[in-house]
Amino acid sequence: MSGAPTYPITVEIPVDDEERNRWLAASGIIFVKVILLLPHILLLFLFGLMIQILAWIGYWGIVFTGRMPDVIRRLEVVCLTWTTRVVAWFAGVTDVYPTFGTDQERAVSVTVAPAPDPQSRTLAVLGILLIRTVGAIPHLVILFLMSFGVVLVAWVGYFVVAFTGRLPLGLHEFVLNYLRWWARVWGWLVALTDEYPPFTLG
C-alpha cells in the first residue's frame, strides 16, 4: 500500500501472468500436491522444533550481548523462507516447486531487515519466560482461523486454474497477505525483529 510503513519482514510473490499448469492444479484437487510435499513437511517439522530451541537460546544471547547470535538468526531466516515457499506452492500462488533449505528461488521472495542494535533485552526476557508467546496469541488465533480460508481458497483456485489456466488476482492476494501476516508474527516470536506485528493484511 502506498504510503504505508514497511514492516521489517516482507513477503512478495509476483503474479504469474502466463497460463498456469492445469495438470498441477488438478493434482491439487485430488491432494497429490500434499504427497509431493511430504519430504518438505517432514524436514520442516524437525527443523521447526530445532528453531524453537535455538530461538530460546538466542533470547539469552540478546539479554547478555544485545544481539541474537548470527548463526541462530540465519537459521531462523532459512526456516521462515523455506516454510513460506512450501505454503505458497501448496496454495497454488506459484507453480515453482519449493526448493529445499537455503536454496533461493525467484517465485517467492522473503526479506528480513537487520534487527535493531541493540535488540530489546526486555522482550528477550519475555521470550525466555514464554510471555512473548502469550502476547502473540491474538495473532495466532486469527491466523489459525484464516488458515481454513487459505485451504478453501487453494482448493477453489485449483478448480479455476484447471479449467481456465488462470488464478484470479483476489485469490492470489488473499494467500499472499496471509503469508505476510504469518511471517511477521513468526519473525517477531523468534526475535528476528522487535517490532510487534500489526493486525493487518498486506
Protein backbone atom coordinates (compact mmCIF):
# COMPACT_ATOMS: atom_id res chain seq x y z
CA MET A 1 0.00 0.00 0.00
CA SER A 2 1.35 3.38 -0.98
CA GLY A 3 2.48 5.47 1.96
CA ALA A 4 2.09 2.63 4.45
CA PRO A 5 5.00 1.95 6.79
CA THR A 6 7.14 -1.01 5.83
CA TYR A 7 7.39 -3.84 8.35
CA PRO A 8 10.91 -5.34 8.77
CA ILE A 9 9.73 -8.68 7.34
CA THR A 10 8.14 -8.76 3.88
CA VAL A 11 6.92 -11.47 1.50
CA GLU A 12 6.50 -10.96 -2.25
CA ILE A 13 5.09 -13.41 -4.80
CA PRO A 14 4.77 -11.95 -8.31
CA VAL A 15 1.53 -12.64 -10.15
CA ASP A 16 2.14 -15.23 -12.86
CA ASP A 17 0.54 -13.77 -15.99
CA GLU A 18 1.40 -16.81 -18.11
CA GLU A 19 -1.02 -19.71 -18.40
CA ARG A 20 -0.75 -21.76 -15.24
CA ASN A 21 -0.11 -25.51 -15.13
CA ARG A 22 -3.54 -27.14 -15.35
CA TRP A 23 -2.26 -30.62 -14.55
CA LEU A 24 -0.57 -29.32 -11.40
CA ALA A 25 -3.83 -27.68 -10.36
CA ALA A 26 -5.69 -30.92 -11.00
CA SER A 27 -3.19 -32.74 -8.78
CA GLY A 28 -4.07 -30.31 -6.02
CA ILE A 29 -7.76 -31.16 -6.31
CA ILE A 30 -7.04 -34.83 -5.56
CA PHE A 31 -4.41 -33.98 -2.87
CA VAL A 32 -1.43 -35.27 -4.84
CA LYS A 33 0.34 -31.98 -4.06
CA VAL A 34 0.28 -32.86 -0.37
CA ILE A 35 2.02 -36.14 -1.12
CA LEU A 36 4.66 -34.33 -3.19
CA LEU A 37 5.30 -32.02 -0.22
CA LEU A 38 5.84 -34.82 2.32
CA PRO A 39 9.68 -34.55 2.22
CA HIS A 40 9.41 -30.82 2.94
CA ILE A 41 6.81 -31.31 5.67
CA LEU A 42 8.91 -33.90 7.49
CA LEU A 43 12.13 -31.86 7.30
CA LEU A 44 10.40 -28.62 8.28
CA PHE A 45 8.76 -30.29 11.27
CA LEU A 46 12.16 -31.36 12.58
CA PHE A 47 13.79 -28.08 11.61
CA GLY A 48 10.98 -26.13 13.28
CA LEU A 49 11.46 -27.98 16.55
CA MET A 50 15.17 -27.16 16.45
CA ILE A 51 14.42 -23.50 15.72
CA GLN A 52 12.17 -23.22 18.77
CA ILE A 53 15.04 -24.40 20.98
CA LEU A 54 17.57 -22.17 19.23
CA ALA A 55 15.28 -19.13 19.50
CA TRP A 56 15.05 -19.65 23.26
CA ILE A 57 18.85 -19.84 23.43
CA GLY A 58 19.01 -16.75 21.23
CA TYR A 59 16.93 -14.79 23.74
CA TRP A 60 19.70 -15.36 26.27
CA GLY A 61 22.20 -14.07 23.72
CA ILE A 62 20.16 -10.86 23.42
CA VAL A 63 19.96 -10.50 27.22
CA PHE A 64 23.73 -10.70 27.61
CA THR A 65 25.00 -9.11 24.39
CA GLY A 66 22.08 -7.14 22.94
CA ARG A 67 22.11 -9.27 19.78
CA MET A 68 20.72 -12.56 18.57
CA PRO A 69 23.68 -14.82 17.67
CA ASP A 70 24.22 -14.58 13.90
CA VAL A 71 24.10 -18.34 13.30
CA ILE A 72 20.72 -18.62 15.04
CA ARG A 73 19.36 -15.65 13.14
CA ARG A 74 20.46 -17.13 9.81
CA LEU A 75 18.81 -20.46 10.61
CA GLU A 76 15.59 -18.68 11.59
CA VAL A 77 15.54 -16.85 8.25
CA VAL A 78 16.11 -20.15 6.40
CA CYS A 79 13.19 -21.74 8.25
CA LEU A 80 10.94 -18.76 7.52
CA THR A 81 11.74 -18.59 3.80
CA TRP A 82 11.56 -22.36 3.32
CA THR A 83 8.17 -22.62 5.03
CA THR A 84 6.82 -19.69 3.04
CA ARG A 85 7.87 -21.33 -0.25
CA VAL A 86 6.16 -24.58 0.72
CA VAL A 87 2.86 -22.94 1.71
CA ALA A 88 2.89 -20.74 -1.40
CA TRP A 89 3.27 -23.78 -3.67
CA PHE A 90 0.64 -25.78 -1.79
CA ALA A 91 -1.80 -22.87 -2.03
CA GLY A 92 -1.19 -22.57 -5.76
CA VAL A 93 0.07 -18.98 -5.92
CA THR A 94 3.17 -20.29 -7.70
CA ASP A 95 3.83 -23.33 -9.89
CA VAL A 96 7.53 -23.40 -8.94
CA TYR A 97 8.14 -26.44 -6.72
CA PRO A 98 9.76 -25.21 -3.49
CA THR A 99 13.50 -25.58 -3.13
CA PHE A 100 14.97 -27.19 -0.04
CA GLY A 101 16.69 -25.35 2.79
CA THR A 102 18.86 -22.39 1.91
CA ASP A 103 18.34 -22.60 -1.86
CA GLN A 104 16.78 -19.43 -3.29
CA GLU A 105 14.11 -19.09 -5.94
CA ARG A 106 12.62 -16.15 -7.80
CA ALA A 107 8.99 -17.18 -7.38
CA VAL A 108 8.81 -16.38 -3.64
CA SER A 109 10.82 -13.59 -2.03
CA VAL A 110 11.15 -13.17 1.74
CA THR A 111 13.08 -10.17 3.00
CA VAL A 112 14.14 -9.70 6.62
CA ALA A 113 15.60 -6.33 7.56
CA PRO A 114 18.51 -6.22 10.04
CA ALA A 115 17.38 -6.29 13.66
CA PRO A 116 17.88 -3.16 15.79
CA ASP A 117 21.24 -2.97 17.53
CA PRO A 118 20.95 -3.49 20.40
CA GLN A 119 17.79 -5.57 20.48
CA SER A 120 15.35 -5.21 23.35
CA ARG A 121 16.56 -7.11 26.40
CA THR A 122 13.12 -6.73 27.95
CA LEU A 123 11.48 -8.51 25.01
CA ALA A 124 14.17 -11.19 25.19
CA VAL A 125 13.36 -11.83 28.85
CA LEU A 126 9.68 -12.06 27.92
CA GLY A 127 10.68 -14.62 25.30
CA ILE A 128 12.61 -16.67 27.85
CA LEU A 129 9.56 -16.65 30.14
CA LEU A 130 7.25 -17.51 27.18
CA ILE A 131 5.31 -14.28 27.82
CA ARG A 132 6.24 -13.17 24.30
CA THR A 133 4.23 -16.12 23.01
CA VAL A 134 1.26 -15.04 25.12
CA GLY A 135 1.49 -11.60 23.52
CA ALA A 136 1.14 -13.20 20.08
CA ILE A 137 -1.97 -15.25 20.97
CA PRO A 138 -4.46 -12.80 19.34
CA HIS A 139 -2.48 -13.03 16.10
CA LEU A 140 -2.17 -16.80 16.35
CA VAL A 141 -5.93 -17.21 16.83
CA ILE A 142 -6.67 -15.07 13.77
CA LEU A 143 -4.06 -16.89 11.67
CA PHE A 144 -5.42 -20.26 12.76
CA LEU A 145 -8.91 -19.28 11.62
CA MET A 146 -7.54 -17.77 8.40
CA SER A 147 -5.68 -21.00 7.63
CA PHE A 148 -9.01 -22.71 6.94
CA GLY A 149 -9.77 -19.95 4.47
CA VAL A 150 -6.39 -20.44 2.81
CA VAL A 151 -7.06 -24.16 2.33
CA LEU A 152 -10.51 -23.38 0.88
CA VAL A 153 -9.12 -20.66 -1.40
CA ALA A 154 -6.37 -23.01 -2.56
CA TRP A 155 -8.84 -25.76 -3.39
CA VAL A 156 -11.15 -23.36 -5.26
CA GLY A 157 -8.10 -21.98 -7.07
CA TYR A 158 -7.14 -25.47 -8.22
CA PHE A 159 -10.50 -25.83 -9.97
CA VAL A 160 -10.30 -22.37 -11.54
CA VAL A 161 -6.77 -22.94 -12.85
CA ALA A 162 -7.62 -26.46 -14.06
CA PHE A 163 -10.45 -25.07 -16.21
CA THR A 164 -9.15 -21.62 -17.18
CA GLY A 165 -5.37 -21.73 -16.79
CA ARG A 166 -5.51 -18.57 -14.65
CA LEU A 167 -5.64 -17.88 -10.91
CA PRO A 168 -7.90 -14.93 -10.01
CA LEU A 169 -5.94 -11.99 -8.58
CA GLY A 170 -8.15 -11.89 -5.47
CA LEU A 171 -7.22 -15.46 -4.54
CA HIS A 172 -3.53 -14.74 -5.10
CA GLU A 173 -3.71 -11.62 -2.91
CA PHE A 174 -5.55 -13.42 -0.10
CA VAL A 175 -2.89 -16.12 0.19
CA LEU A 176 -0.05 -13.60 -0.16
CA ASN A 177 -1.48 -11.40 2.59
CA TYR A 178 -1.93 -14.42 4.86
CA LEU A 179 1.72 -15.36 4.30
CA ARG A 180 2.82 -11.80 5.06
CA TRP A 181 0.89 -11.74 8.32
CA TRP A 182 2.15 -15.18 9.33
CA ALA A 183 5.77 -14.25 8.51
CA ARG A 184 5.56 -11.08 10.62
CA VAL A 185 4.17 -12.92 13.64
CA TRP A 186 6.61 -15.83 13.40
CA GLY A 187 9.52 -13.46 12.91
CA TRP A 188 8.54 -11.47 15.98
CA LEU A 189 8.19 -14.63 18.07
CA VAL A 190 11.74 -15.77 17.27
CA ALA A 191 13.16 -12.22 17.64
CA LEU A 192 14.02 -11.59 14.01
CA THR A 193 12.51 -8.20 14.80
CA ASP A 194 11.43 -6.36 17.94
CA GLU A 195 8.58 -4.57 16.16
CA TYR A 196 5.24 -6.01 17.25
CA PRO A 197 3.30 -7.16 14.17
CA PRO A 198 0.31 -5.09 13.09
CA PHE A 199 -3.19 -6.54 12.86
CA THR A 200 -3.48 -6.09 9.14
CA LEU A 201 -3.38 -7.89 5.83
CA GLY A 202 -0.93 -6.77 3.21
